[in-house]
mmCIF file of all heavy atoms, coordinates in Angstrom:
data_MODEL
# 
_entry.id   MODEL 
# 
loop_
_atom_site.group_PDB 
_atom_site.id 
_atom_site.type_symbol 
_atom_site.label_atom_id 
_atom_site.label_alt_id 
_atom_site.label_comp_id 
_atom_site.label_asym_id 
_atom_site.label_entity_id 
_atom_site.label_seq_id 
_atom_site.pdbx_PDB_ins_code 
_atom_site.Cartn_x 
_atom_site.Cartn_y 
_atom_site.Cartn_z 
_atom_site.occupancy 
_atom_site.B_iso_or_equiv 
_atom_site.pdbx_formal_charge 
_atom_site.auth_seq_id 
_atom_site.auth_comp_id 
_atom_site.auth_asym_id 
_atom_site.auth_atom_id 
_atom_site.pdbx_PDB_model_num 
ATOM 1   N N   . SER A 1 1  ? 2.803  31.902 -45.250 1.00 0.00 ? 1  SER A N   1 
ATOM 2   C CA  . SER A 1 1  ? 1.665  30.969 -45.279 1.00 0.00 ? 1  SER A CA  1 
ATOM 3   C C   . SER A 1 1  ? 0.988  31.124 -46.645 1.00 0.00 ? 1  SER A C   1 
ATOM 4   O O   . SER A 1 1  ? 1.457  31.849 -47.510 1.00 0.00 ? 1  SER A O   1 
ATOM 5   C CB  . SER A 1 1  ? 0.677  31.320 -44.161 1.00 0.00 ? 1  SER A CB  1 
ATOM 6   O OG  . SER A 1 1  ? 0.094  32.588 -44.415 1.00 0.00 ? 1  SER A OG  1 
ATOM 7   N N   . ALA A 1 2  ? -0.115 30.464 -46.789 1.00 0.00 ? 2  ALA A N   1 
ATOM 8   C CA  . ALA A 1 2  ? -0.874 30.554 -48.052 1.00 0.00 ? 2  ALA A CA  1 
ATOM 9   C C   . ALA A 1 2  ? -1.360 31.988 -48.302 1.00 0.00 ? 2  ALA A C   1 
ATOM 10  O O   . ALA A 1 2  ? -1.646 32.348 -49.439 1.00 0.00 ? 2  ALA A O   1 
ATOM 11  C CB  . ALA A 1 2  ? -2.061 29.589 -48.013 1.00 0.00 ? 2  ALA A CB  1 
ATOM 12  N N   . GLU A 1 3  ? -1.389 32.803 -47.267 1.00 0.00 ? 3  GLU A N   1 
ATOM 13  C CA  . GLU A 1 3  ? -1.837 34.180 -47.440 1.00 0.00 ? 3  GLU A CA  1 
ATOM 14  C C   . GLU A 1 3  ? -0.835 35.035 -48.234 1.00 0.00 ? 3  GLU A C   1 
ATOM 15  O O   . GLU A 1 3  ? -1.241 35.904 -48.988 1.00 0.00 ? 3  GLU A O   1 
ATOM 16  C CB  . GLU A 1 3  ? -2.102 34.822 -46.083 1.00 0.00 ? 3  GLU A CB  1 
ATOM 17  C CG  . GLU A 1 3  ? -3.306 34.248 -45.392 1.00 0.00 ? 3  GLU A CG  1 
ATOM 18  C CD  . GLU A 1 3  ? -3.531 34.849 -44.019 1.00 0.00 ? 3  GLU A CD  1 
ATOM 19  O OE1 . GLU A 1 3  ? -3.035 35.974 -43.751 1.00 0.00 ? 3  GLU A OE1 1 
ATOM 20  O OE2 . GLU A 1 3  ? -4.211 34.198 -43.209 1.00 0.00 ? 3  GLU A OE2 1 
ATOM 21  N N   . ASN A 1 4  ? 0.466  34.779 -48.045 1.00 0.00 ? 4  ASN A N   1 
ATOM 22  C CA  . ASN A 1 4  ? 1.438  35.599 -48.776 1.00 0.00 ? 4  ASN A CA  1 
ATOM 23  C C   . ASN A 1 4  ? 2.250  34.792 -49.810 1.00 0.00 ? 4  ASN A C   1 
ATOM 24  O O   . ASN A 1 4  ? 3.019  35.359 -50.567 1.00 0.00 ? 4  ASN A O   1 
ATOM 25  C CB  . ASN A 1 4  ? 2.377  36.355 -47.824 1.00 0.00 ? 4  ASN A CB  1 
ATOM 26  C CG  . ASN A 1 4  ? 3.071  35.456 -46.821 1.00 0.00 ? 4  ASN A CG  1 
ATOM 27  O OD1 . ASN A 1 4  ? 2.991  34.235 -46.896 1.00 0.00 ? 4  ASN A OD1 1 
ATOM 28  N ND2 . ASN A 1 4  ? 3.753  36.073 -45.890 1.00 0.00 ? 4  ASN A ND2 1 
ATOM 29  N N   . LEU A 1 5  ? 2.041  33.475 -49.852 1.00 0.00 ? 5  LEU A N   1 
ATOM 30  C CA  . LEU A 1 5  ? 2.626  32.609 -50.881 1.00 0.00 ? 5  LEU A CA  1 
ATOM 31  C C   . LEU A 1 5  ? 1.677  31.424 -51.023 1.00 0.00 ? 5  LEU A C   1 
ATOM 32  O O   . LEU A 1 5  ? 1.747  30.463 -50.256 1.00 0.00 ? 5  LEU A O   1 
ATOM 33  C CB  . LEU A 1 5  ? 4.031  32.162 -50.491 1.00 0.00 ? 5  LEU A CB  1 
ATOM 34  C CG  . LEU A 1 5  ? 4.803  31.343 -51.523 1.00 0.00 ? 5  LEU A CG  1 
ATOM 35  C CD1 . LEU A 1 5  ? 4.992  32.123 -52.823 1.00 0.00 ? 5  LEU A CD1 1 
ATOM 36  C CD2 . LEU A 1 5  ? 6.157  30.917 -50.969 1.00 0.00 ? 5  LEU A CD2 1 
ATOM 37  N N   . SER A 1 6  ? 0.768  31.503 -51.971 1.00 0.00 ? 6  SER A N   1 
ATOM 38  C CA  . SER A 1 6  ? -0.379 30.596 -52.060 1.00 0.00 ? 6  SER A CA  1 
ATOM 39  C C   . SER A 1 6  ? -0.017 29.117 -52.010 1.00 0.00 ? 6  SER A C   1 
ATOM 40  O O   . SER A 1 6  ? -0.766 28.307 -51.466 1.00 0.00 ? 6  SER A O   1 
ATOM 41  C CB  . SER A 1 6  ? -1.201 30.887 -53.317 1.00 0.00 ? 6  SER A CB  1 
ATOM 42  O OG  . SER A 1 6  ? -0.410 30.669 -54.472 1.00 0.00 ? 6  SER A OG  1 
ATOM 43  N N   . ASP A 1 7  ? 1.125  28.732 -52.550 1.00 0.00 ? 7  ASP A N   1 
ATOM 44  C CA  . ASP A 1 7  ? 1.493  27.307 -52.580 1.00 0.00 ? 7  ASP A CA  1 
ATOM 45  C C   . ASP A 1 7  ? 2.584  26.964 -51.581 1.00 0.00 ? 7  ASP A C   1 
ATOM 46  O O   . ASP A 1 7  ? 3.299  25.981 -51.746 1.00 0.00 ? 7  ASP A O   1 
ATOM 47  C CB  . ASP A 1 7  ? 1.905  26.901 -54.002 1.00 0.00 ? 7  ASP A CB  1 
ATOM 48  C CG  . ASP A 1 7  ? 3.049  27.742 -54.534 1.00 0.00 ? 7  ASP A CG  1 
ATOM 49  O OD1 . ASP A 1 7  ? 3.556  28.629 -53.814 1.00 0.00 ? 7  ASP A OD1 1 
ATOM 50  O OD2 . ASP A 1 7  ? 3.445  27.513 -55.684 1.00 0.00 ? 7  ASP A OD2 1 
ATOM 51  N N   . TYR A 1 8  ? 2.683  27.732 -50.513 1.00 0.00 ? 8  TYR A N   1 
ATOM 52  C CA  . TYR A 1 8  ? 3.768  27.508 -49.535 1.00 0.00 ? 8  TYR A CA  1 
ATOM 53  C C   . TYR A 1 8  ? 3.761  26.086 -48.975 1.00 0.00 ? 8  TYR A C   1 
ATOM 54  O O   . TYR A 1 8  ? 4.810  25.490 -48.782 1.00 0.00 ? 8  TYR A O   1 
ATOM 55  C CB  . TYR A 1 8  ? 3.706  28.542 -48.409 1.00 0.00 ? 8  TYR A CB  1 
ATOM 56  C CG  . TYR A 1 8  ? 4.809  28.330 -47.384 1.00 0.00 ? 8  TYR A CG  1 
ATOM 57  C CD1 . TYR A 1 8  ? 6.144  28.367 -47.771 1.00 0.00 ? 8  TYR A CD1 1 
ATOM 58  C CD2 . TYR A 1 8  ? 4.507  28.060 -46.053 1.00 0.00 ? 8  TYR A CD2 1 
ATOM 59  C CE1 . TYR A 1 8  ? 7.154  28.170 -46.860 1.00 0.00 ? 8  TYR A CE1 1 
ATOM 60  C CE2 . TYR A 1 8  ? 5.528  27.866 -45.127 1.00 0.00 ? 8  TYR A CE2 1 
ATOM 61  C CZ  . TYR A 1 8  ? 6.842  27.917 -45.550 1.00 0.00 ? 8  TYR A CZ  1 
ATOM 62  O OH  . TYR A 1 8  ? 7.858  27.699 -44.636 1.00 0.00 ? 8  TYR A OH  1 
ATOM 63  N N   . GLU A 1 9  ? 2.601  25.556 -48.723 1.00 0.00 ? 9  GLU A N   1 
ATOM 64  C CA  . GLU A 1 9  ? 2.512  24.199 -48.155 1.00 0.00 ? 9  GLU A CA  1 
ATOM 65  C C   . GLU A 1 9  ? 3.253  23.180 -49.024 1.00 0.00 ? 9  GLU A C   1 
ATOM 66  O O   . GLU A 1 9  ? 3.843  22.223 -48.508 1.00 0.00 ? 9  GLU A O   1 
ATOM 67  C CB  . GLU A 1 9  ? 1.039  23.801 -48.001 1.00 0.00 ? 9  GLU A CB  1 
ATOM 68  C CG  . GLU A 1 9  ? 0.831  22.492 -47.301 1.00 0.00 ? 9  GLU A CG  1 
ATOM 69  C CD  . GLU A 1 9  ? 1.336  22.459 -45.864 1.00 0.00 ? 9  GLU A CD  1 
ATOM 70  O OE1 . GLU A 1 9  ? 1.328  23.499 -45.197 1.00 0.00 ? 9  GLU A OE1 1 
ATOM 71  O OE2 . GLU A 1 9  ? 1.731  21.365 -45.397 1.00 0.00 ? 9  GLU A OE2 1 
ATOM 72  N N   . HIS A 1 10 ? 3.282  23.381 -50.323 1.00 0.00 ? 10 HIS A N   1 
ATOM 73  C CA  . HIS A 1 10 ? 3.950  22.452 -51.245 1.00 0.00 ? 10 HIS A CA  1 
ATOM 74  C C   . HIS A 1 10 ? 5.444  22.713 -51.350 1.00 0.00 ? 10 HIS A C   1 
ATOM 75  O O   . HIS A 1 10 ? 6.161  21.964 -52.003 1.00 0.00 ? 10 HIS A O   1 
ATOM 76  C CB  . HIS A 1 10 ? 3.317  22.531 -52.634 1.00 0.00 ? 10 HIS A CB  1 
ATOM 77  C CG  . HIS A 1 10 ? 1.869  22.206 -52.631 1.00 0.00 ? 10 HIS A CG  1 
ATOM 78  N ND1 . HIS A 1 10 ? 1.384  20.945 -52.336 1.00 0.00 ? 10 HIS A ND1 1 
ATOM 79  C CD2 . HIS A 1 10 ? 0.783  22.983 -52.869 1.00 0.00 ? 10 HIS A CD2 1 
ATOM 80  C CE1 . HIS A 1 10 ? 0.057  20.972 -52.399 1.00 0.00 ? 10 HIS A CE1 1 
ATOM 81  N NE2 . HIS A 1 10 ? -0.325 22.186 -52.708 1.00 0.00 ? 10 HIS A NE2 1 
ATOM 82  N N   . ARG A 1 11 ? 5.913  23.770 -50.722 1.00 0.00 ? 11 ARG A N   1 
ATOM 83  C CA  . ARG A 1 11 ? 7.314  24.168 -50.833 1.00 0.00 ? 11 ARG A CA  1 
ATOM 84  C C   . ARG A 1 11 ? 8.173  23.681 -49.674 1.00 0.00 ? 11 ARG A C   1 
ATOM 85  O O   . ARG A 1 11 ? 9.345  23.981 -49.622 1.00 0.00 ? 11 ARG A O   1 
ATOM 86  C CB  . ARG A 1 11 ? 7.412  25.681 -50.971 1.00 0.00 ? 11 ARG A CB  1 
ATOM 87  C CG  . ARG A 1 11 ? 6.802  26.198 -52.266 1.00 0.00 ? 11 ARG A CG  1 
ATOM 88  C CD  . ARG A 1 11 ? 6.883  27.697 -52.368 1.00 0.00 ? 11 ARG A CD  1 
ATOM 89  N NE  . ARG A 1 11 ? 6.274  28.174 -53.588 1.00 0.00 ? 11 ARG A NE  1 
ATOM 90  C CZ  . ARG A 1 11 ? 6.913  28.290 -54.742 1.00 0.00 ? 11 ARG A CZ  1 
ATOM 91  N NH1 . ARG A 1 11 ? 8.186  27.995 -54.829 1.00 0.00 ? 11 ARG A NH1 1 
ATOM 92  N NH2 . ARG A 1 11 ? 6.279  28.725 -55.818 1.00 0.00 ? 11 ARG A NH2 1 
ATOM 93  N N   . ARG A 1 12 ? 7.625  22.977 -48.758 1.00 0.00 ? 12 ARG A N   1 
ATOM 94  C CA  . ARG A 1 12 ? 8.378  22.501 -47.611 1.00 0.00 ? 12 ARG A CA  1 
ATOM 95  C C   . ARG A 1 12 ? 9.351  21.413 -48.055 1.00 0.00 ? 12 ARG A C   1 
ATOM 96  O O   . ARG A 1 12 ? 8.963  20.405 -48.617 1.00 0.00 ? 12 ARG A O   1 
ATOM 97  C CB  . ARG A 1 12 ? 7.454  21.959 -46.531 1.00 0.00 ? 12 ARG A CB  1 
ATOM 98  C CG  . ARG A 1 12 ? 6.335  22.896 -46.124 1.00 0.00 ? 12 ARG A CG  1 
ATOM 99  C CD  . ARG A 1 12 ? 6.797  23.902 -45.076 1.00 0.00 ? 12 ARG A CD  1 
ATOM 100 N NE  . ARG A 1 12 ? 5.784  24.869 -44.785 1.00 0.00 ? 12 ARG A NE  1 
ATOM 101 C CZ  . ARG A 1 12 ? 4.745  24.682 -43.995 1.00 0.00 ? 12 ARG A CZ  1 
ATOM 102 N NH1 . ARG A 1 12 ? 4.572  23.520 -43.416 1.00 0.00 ? 12 ARG A NH1 1 
ATOM 103 N NH2 . ARG A 1 12 ? 3.876  25.640 -43.788 1.00 0.00 ? 12 ARG A NH2 1 
ATOM 104 N N   . LYS A 1 13 ? 10.620 21.628 -47.827 1.00 0.00 ? 13 LYS A N   1 
ATOM 105 C CA  . LYS A 1 13 ? 11.645 20.683 -48.271 1.00 0.00 ? 13 LYS A CA  1 
ATOM 106 C C   . LYS A 1 13 ? 11.955 19.616 -47.205 1.00 0.00 ? 13 LYS A C   1 
ATOM 107 O O   . LYS A 1 13 ? 12.326 18.507 -47.530 1.00 0.00 ? 13 LYS A O   1 
ATOM 108 C CB  . LYS A 1 13 ? 12.943 21.407 -48.617 1.00 0.00 ? 13 LYS A CB  1 
ATOM 109 C CG  . LYS A 1 13 ? 12.791 22.494 -49.657 1.00 0.00 ? 13 LYS A CG  1 
ATOM 110 C CD  . LYS A 1 13 ? 12.407 21.946 -50.997 1.00 0.00 ? 13 LYS A CD  1 
ATOM 111 C CE  . LYS A 1 13 ? 12.337 23.013 -52.048 1.00 0.00 ? 13 LYS A CE  1 
ATOM 112 N NZ  . LYS A 1 13 ? 11.098 23.744 -52.115 1.00 0.00 ? 13 LYS A NZ  1 
ATOM 113 N N   . SER A 1 14 ? 11.795 19.970 -45.940 1.00 0.00 ? 14 SER A N   1 
ATOM 114 C CA  . SER A 1 14 ? 12.215 19.028 -44.889 1.00 0.00 ? 14 SER A CA  1 
ATOM 115 C C   . SER A 1 14 ? 11.424 17.738 -44.921 1.00 0.00 ? 14 SER A C   1 
ATOM 116 O O   . SER A 1 14 ? 11.986 16.667 -44.611 1.00 0.00 ? 14 SER A O   1 
ATOM 117 C CB  . SER A 1 14 ? 12.140 19.700 -43.517 1.00 0.00 ? 14 SER A CB  1 
ATOM 118 O OG  . SER A 1 14 ? 10.847 20.137 -43.221 1.00 0.00 ? 14 SER A OG  1 
ATOM 119 N N   . ARG A 1 15 ? 10.164 17.779 -45.301 1.00 0.00 ? 15 ARG A N   1 
ATOM 120 C CA  . ARG A 1 15 ? 9.373  16.543 -45.387 1.00 0.00 ? 15 ARG A CA  1 
ATOM 121 C C   . ARG A 1 15 ? 9.968  15.596 -46.439 1.00 0.00 ? 15 ARG A C   1 
ATOM 122 O O   . ARG A 1 15 ? 10.095 14.392 -46.191 1.00 0.00 ? 15 ARG A O   1 
ATOM 123 C CB  . ARG A 1 15 ? 7.930  16.841 -45.758 1.00 0.00 ? 15 ARG A CB  1 
ATOM 124 C CG  . ARG A 1 15 ? 7.120  17.335 -44.615 1.00 0.00 ? 15 ARG A CG  1 
ATOM 125 C CD  . ARG A 1 15 ? 5.651  17.394 -45.005 1.00 0.00 ? 15 ARG A CD  1 
ATOM 126 N NE  . ARG A 1 15 ? 5.078  18.536 -44.320 1.00 0.00 ? 15 ARG A NE  1 
ATOM 127 C CZ  . ARG A 1 15 ? 4.328  19.449 -44.895 1.00 0.00 ? 15 ARG A CZ  1 
ATOM 128 N NH1 . ARG A 1 15 ? 4.019  19.388 -46.167 1.00 0.00 ? 15 ARG A NH1 1 
ATOM 129 N NH2 . ARG A 1 15 ? 3.847  20.453 -44.197 1.00 0.00 ? 15 ARG A NH2 1 
ATOM 130 N N   . ALA A 1 16 ? 10.288 16.129 -47.603 1.00 0.00 ? 16 ALA A N   1 
ATOM 131 C CA  . ALA A 1 16 ? 10.862 15.296 -48.681 1.00 0.00 ? 16 ALA A CA  1 
ATOM 132 C C   . ALA A 1 16 ? 12.205 14.737 -48.245 1.00 0.00 ? 16 ALA A C   1 
ATOM 133 O O   . ALA A 1 16 ? 12.494 13.550 -48.466 1.00 0.00 ? 16 ALA A O   1 
ATOM 134 C CB  . ALA A 1 16 ? 11.013 16.114 -49.951 1.00 0.00 ? 16 ALA A CB  1 
ATOM 135 N N   . ILE A 1 17 ? 13.013 15.559 -47.594 1.00 0.00 ? 17 ILE A N   1 
ATOM 136 C CA  . ILE A 1 17 ? 14.333 15.073 -47.162 1.00 0.00 ? 17 ILE A CA  1 
ATOM 137 C C   . ILE A 1 17 ? 14.176 13.997 -46.096 1.00 0.00 ? 17 ILE A C   1 
ATOM 138 O O   . ILE A 1 17 ? 14.853 12.960 -46.157 1.00 0.00 ? 17 ILE A O   1 
ATOM 139 C CB  . ILE A 1 17 ? 15.191 16.236 -46.615 1.00 0.00 ? 17 ILE A CB  1 
ATOM 140 C CG1 . ILE A 1 17 ? 15.342 17.349 -47.652 1.00 0.00 ? 17 ILE A CG1 1 
ATOM 141 C CG2 . ILE A 1 17 ? 16.579 15.725 -46.210 1.00 0.00 ? 17 ILE A CG2 1 
ATOM 142 C CD1 . ILE A 1 17 ? 15.926 18.653 -47.093 1.00 0.00 ? 17 ILE A CD1 1 
ATOM 143 N N   . ALA A 1 18 ? 13.288 14.218 -45.139 1.00 0.00 ? 18 ALA A N   1 
ATOM 144 C CA  . ALA A 1 18 ? 13.052 13.207 -44.090 1.00 0.00 ? 18 ALA A CA  1 
ATOM 145 C C   . ALA A 1 18 ? 12.588 11.898 -44.709 1.00 0.00 ? 18 ALA A C   1 
ATOM 146 O O   . ALA A 1 18 ? 13.047 10.811 -44.308 1.00 0.00 ? 18 ALA A O   1 
ATOM 147 C CB  . ALA A 1 18 ? 12.034 13.720 -43.063 1.00 0.00 ? 18 ALA A CB  1 
ATOM 148 N N   . ASN A 1 19 ? 11.691 11.962 -45.672 1.00 0.00 ? 19 ASN A N   1 
ATOM 149 C CA  . ASN A 1 19 ? 11.203 10.749 -46.344 1.00 0.00 ? 19 ASN A CA  1 
ATOM 150 C C   . ASN A 1 19 ? 12.339 10.032 -47.058 1.00 0.00 ? 19 ASN A C   1 
ATOM 151 O O   . ASN A 1 19 ? 12.442 8.810  -47.025 1.00 0.00 ? 19 ASN A O   1 
ATOM 152 C CB  . ASN A 1 19 ? 10.076 11.073 -47.315 1.00 0.00 ? 19 ASN A CB  1 
ATOM 153 C CG  . ASN A 1 19 ? 8.795  11.421 -46.608 1.00 0.00 ? 19 ASN A CG  1 
ATOM 154 O OD1 . ASN A 1 19 ? 8.579  11.039 -45.455 1.00 0.00 ? 19 ASN A OD1 1 
ATOM 155 N ND2 . ASN A 1 19 ? 7.944  12.154 -47.268 1.00 0.00 ? 19 ASN A ND2 1 
ATOM 156 N N   . ASP A 1 20 ? 13.219 10.807 -47.730 1.00 0.00 ? 20 ASP A N   1 
ATOM 157 C CA  . ASP A 1 20 ? 14.354 10.208 -48.419 1.00 0.00 ? 20 ASP A CA  1 
ATOM 158 C C   . ASP A 1 20 ? 15.269 9.484  -47.423 1.00 0.00 ? 20 ASP A C   1 
ATOM 159 O O   . ASP A 1 20 ? 15.711 8.363  -47.663 1.00 0.00 ? 20 ASP A O   1 
ATOM 160 C CB  . ASP A 1 20 ? 15.177 11.272 -49.164 1.00 0.00 ? 20 ASP A CB  1 
ATOM 161 C CG  . ASP A 1 20 ? 14.482 11.790 -50.410 1.00 0.00 ? 20 ASP A CG  1 
ATOM 162 O OD1 . ASP A 1 20 ? 13.512 11.149 -50.883 1.00 0.00 ? 20 ASP A OD1 1 
ATOM 163 O OD2 . ASP A 1 20 ? 14.915 12.842 -50.920 1.00 0.00 ? 20 ASP A OD2 1 
ATOM 164 N N   . ILE A 1 21 ? 15.519 10.123 -46.306 1.00 0.00 ? 21 ILE A N   1 
ATOM 165 C CA  . ILE A 1 21 ? 16.384 9.520  -45.273 1.00 0.00 ? 21 ILE A CA  1 
ATOM 166 C C   . ILE A 1 21 ? 15.775 8.207  -44.789 1.00 0.00 ? 21 ILE A C   1 
ATOM 167 O O   . ILE A 1 21 ? 16.453 7.185  -44.688 1.00 0.00 ? 21 ILE A O   1 
ATOM 168 C CB  . ILE A 1 21 ? 16.608 10.503 -44.109 1.00 0.00 ? 21 ILE A CB  1 
ATOM 169 C CG1 . ILE A 1 21 ? 17.464 11.696 -44.576 1.00 0.00 ? 21 ILE A CG1 1 
ATOM 170 C CG2 . ILE A 1 21 ? 17.260 9.803  -42.918 1.00 0.00 ? 21 ILE A CG2 1 
ATOM 171 C CD1 . ILE A 1 21 ? 17.520 12.863 -43.598 1.00 0.00 ? 21 ILE A CD1 1 
ATOM 172 N N   . LYS A 1 22 ? 14.480 8.228  -44.465 1.00 0.00 ? 22 LYS A N   1 
ATOM 173 C CA  . LYS A 1 22 ? 13.807 7.032  -43.963 1.00 0.00 ? 22 LYS A CA  1 
ATOM 174 C C   . LYS A 1 22 ? 13.781 5.917  -44.987 1.00 0.00 ? 22 LYS A C   1 
ATOM 175 O O   . LYS A 1 22 ? 14.035 4.757  -44.651 1.00 0.00 ? 22 LYS A O   1 
ATOM 176 C CB  . LYS A 1 22 ? 12.372 7.383  -43.519 1.00 0.00 ? 22 LYS A CB  1 
ATOM 177 C CG  . LYS A 1 22 ? 12.307 8.249  -42.281 1.00 0.00 ? 22 LYS A CG  1 
ATOM 178 C CD  . LYS A 1 22 ? 10.854 8.627  -42.005 1.00 0.00 ? 22 LYS A CD  1 
ATOM 179 C CE  . LYS A 1 22 ? 10.739 9.720  -40.988 1.00 0.00 ? 22 LYS A CE  1 
ATOM 180 N NZ  . LYS A 1 22 ? 9.368  10.189 -40.844 1.00 0.00 ? 22 LYS A NZ  1 
ATOM 181 N N   . ILE A 1 23 ? 13.469 6.239  -46.243 1.00 0.00 ? 23 ILE A N   1 
ATOM 182 C CA  . ILE A 1 23 ? 13.392 5.239  -47.296 1.00 0.00 ? 23 ILE A CA  1 
ATOM 183 C C   . ILE A 1 23 ? 14.739 4.541  -47.460 1.00 0.00 ? 23 ILE A C   1 
ATOM 184 O O   . ILE A 1 23 ? 14.814 3.342  -47.745 1.00 0.00 ? 23 ILE A O   1 
ATOM 185 C CB  . ILE A 1 23 ? 12.970 5.876  -48.634 1.00 0.00 ? 23 ILE A CB  1 
ATOM 186 C CG1 . ILE A 1 23 ? 11.463 6.184  -48.610 1.00 0.00 ? 23 ILE A CG1 1 
ATOM 187 C CG2 . ILE A 1 23 ? 13.304 5.018  -49.834 1.00 0.00 ? 23 ILE A CG2 1 
ATOM 188 C CD1 . ILE A 1 23 ? 10.971 7.027  -49.767 1.00 0.00 ? 23 ILE A CD1 1 
ATOM 189 N N   . LEU A 1 24 ? 15.814 5.292  -47.228 1.00 0.00 ? 24 LEU A N   1 
ATOM 190 C CA  . LEU A 1 24 ? 17.163 4.733  -47.402 1.00 0.00 ? 24 LEU A CA  1 
ATOM 191 C C   . LEU A 1 24 ? 17.721 4.120  -46.114 1.00 0.00 ? 24 LEU A C   1 
ATOM 192 O O   . LEU A 1 24 ? 18.879 3.749  -46.042 1.00 0.00 ? 24 LEU A O   1 
ATOM 193 C CB  . LEU A 1 24 ? 18.110 5.817  -47.939 1.00 0.00 ? 24 LEU A CB  1 
ATOM 194 C CG  . LEU A 1 24 ? 17.712 6.356  -49.322 1.00 0.00 ? 24 LEU A CG  1 
ATOM 195 C CD1 . LEU A 1 24 ? 18.578 7.549  -49.706 1.00 0.00 ? 24 LEU A CD1 1 
ATOM 196 C CD2 . LEU A 1 24 ? 17.795 5.260  -50.370 1.00 0.00 ? 24 LEU A CD2 1 
ATOM 197 N N   . GLY A 1 25 ? 16.859 4.021  -45.105 1.00 0.00 ? 25 GLY A N   1 
ATOM 198 C CA  . GLY A 1 25 ? 17.233 3.325  -43.876 1.00 0.00 ? 25 GLY A CA  1 
ATOM 199 C C   . GLY A 1 25 ? 17.955 4.162  -42.829 1.00 0.00 ? 25 GLY A C   1 
ATOM 200 O O   . GLY A 1 25 ? 18.455 3.639  -41.842 1.00 0.00 ? 25 GLY A O   1 
ATOM 201 N N   . GLY A 1 26 ? 17.966 5.464  -43.017 1.00 0.00 ? 26 GLY A N   1 
ATOM 202 C CA  . GLY A 1 26 ? 18.610 6.337  -42.043 1.00 0.00 ? 26 GLY A CA  1 
ATOM 203 C C   . GLY A 1 26 ? 17.643 6.855  -41.010 1.00 0.00 ? 26 GLY A C   1 
ATOM 204 O O   . GLY A 1 26 ? 16.430 6.693  -41.138 1.00 0.00 ? 26 GLY A O   1 
ATOM 205 N N   . GLU A 1 27 ? 18.208 7.453  -39.971 1.00 0.00 ? 27 GLU A N   1 
ATOM 206 C CA  . GLU A 1 27 ? 17.393 8.071  -38.935 1.00 0.00 ? 27 GLU A CA  1 
ATOM 207 C C   . GLU A 1 27 ? 17.410 9.573  -39.123 1.00 0.00 ? 27 GLU A C   1 
ATOM 208 O O   . GLU A 1 27 ? 18.461 10.172 -39.346 1.00 0.00 ? 27 GLU A O   1 
ATOM 209 C CB  . GLU A 1 27 ? 17.922 7.705  -37.558 1.00 0.00 ? 27 GLU A CB  1 
ATOM 210 C CG  . GLU A 1 27 ? 17.692 6.241  -37.228 1.00 0.00 ? 27 GLU A CG  1 
ATOM 211 C CD  . GLU A 1 27 ? 17.872 5.969  -35.749 1.00 0.00 ? 27 GLU A CD  1 
ATOM 212 O OE1 . GLU A 1 27 ? 17.635 6.878  -34.924 1.00 0.00 ? 27 GLU A OE1 1 
ATOM 213 O OE2 . GLU A 1 27 ? 18.253 4.843  -35.430 1.00 0.00 ? 27 GLU A OE2 1 
ATOM 214 N N   . VAL A 1 28 ? 16.252 10.175 -39.029 1.00 0.00 ? 28 VAL A N   1 
ATOM 215 C CA  . VAL A 1 28 ? 16.122 11.614 -39.208 1.00 0.00 ? 28 VAL A CA  1 
ATOM 216 C C   . VAL A 1 28 ? 16.789 12.320 -38.033 1.00 0.00 ? 28 VAL A C   1 
ATOM 217 O O   . VAL A 1 28 ? 16.485 12.021 -36.872 1.00 0.00 ? 28 VAL A O   1 
ATOM 218 C CB  . VAL A 1 28 ? 14.622 12.012 -39.322 1.00 0.00 ? 28 VAL A CB  1 
ATOM 219 C CG1 . VAL A 1 28 ? 14.469 13.506 -39.432 1.00 0.00 ? 28 VAL A CG1 1 
ATOM 220 C CG2 . VAL A 1 28 ? 13.987 11.301 -40.509 1.00 0.00 ? 28 VAL A CG2 1 
# 
């Protein structure tokens, strides 16, 4: 969490991948 890695919230990859899939017309 932010307690042991201050910018952890910005390091989540699954959100970016899900957005890419949706933008390209795929289903997550």
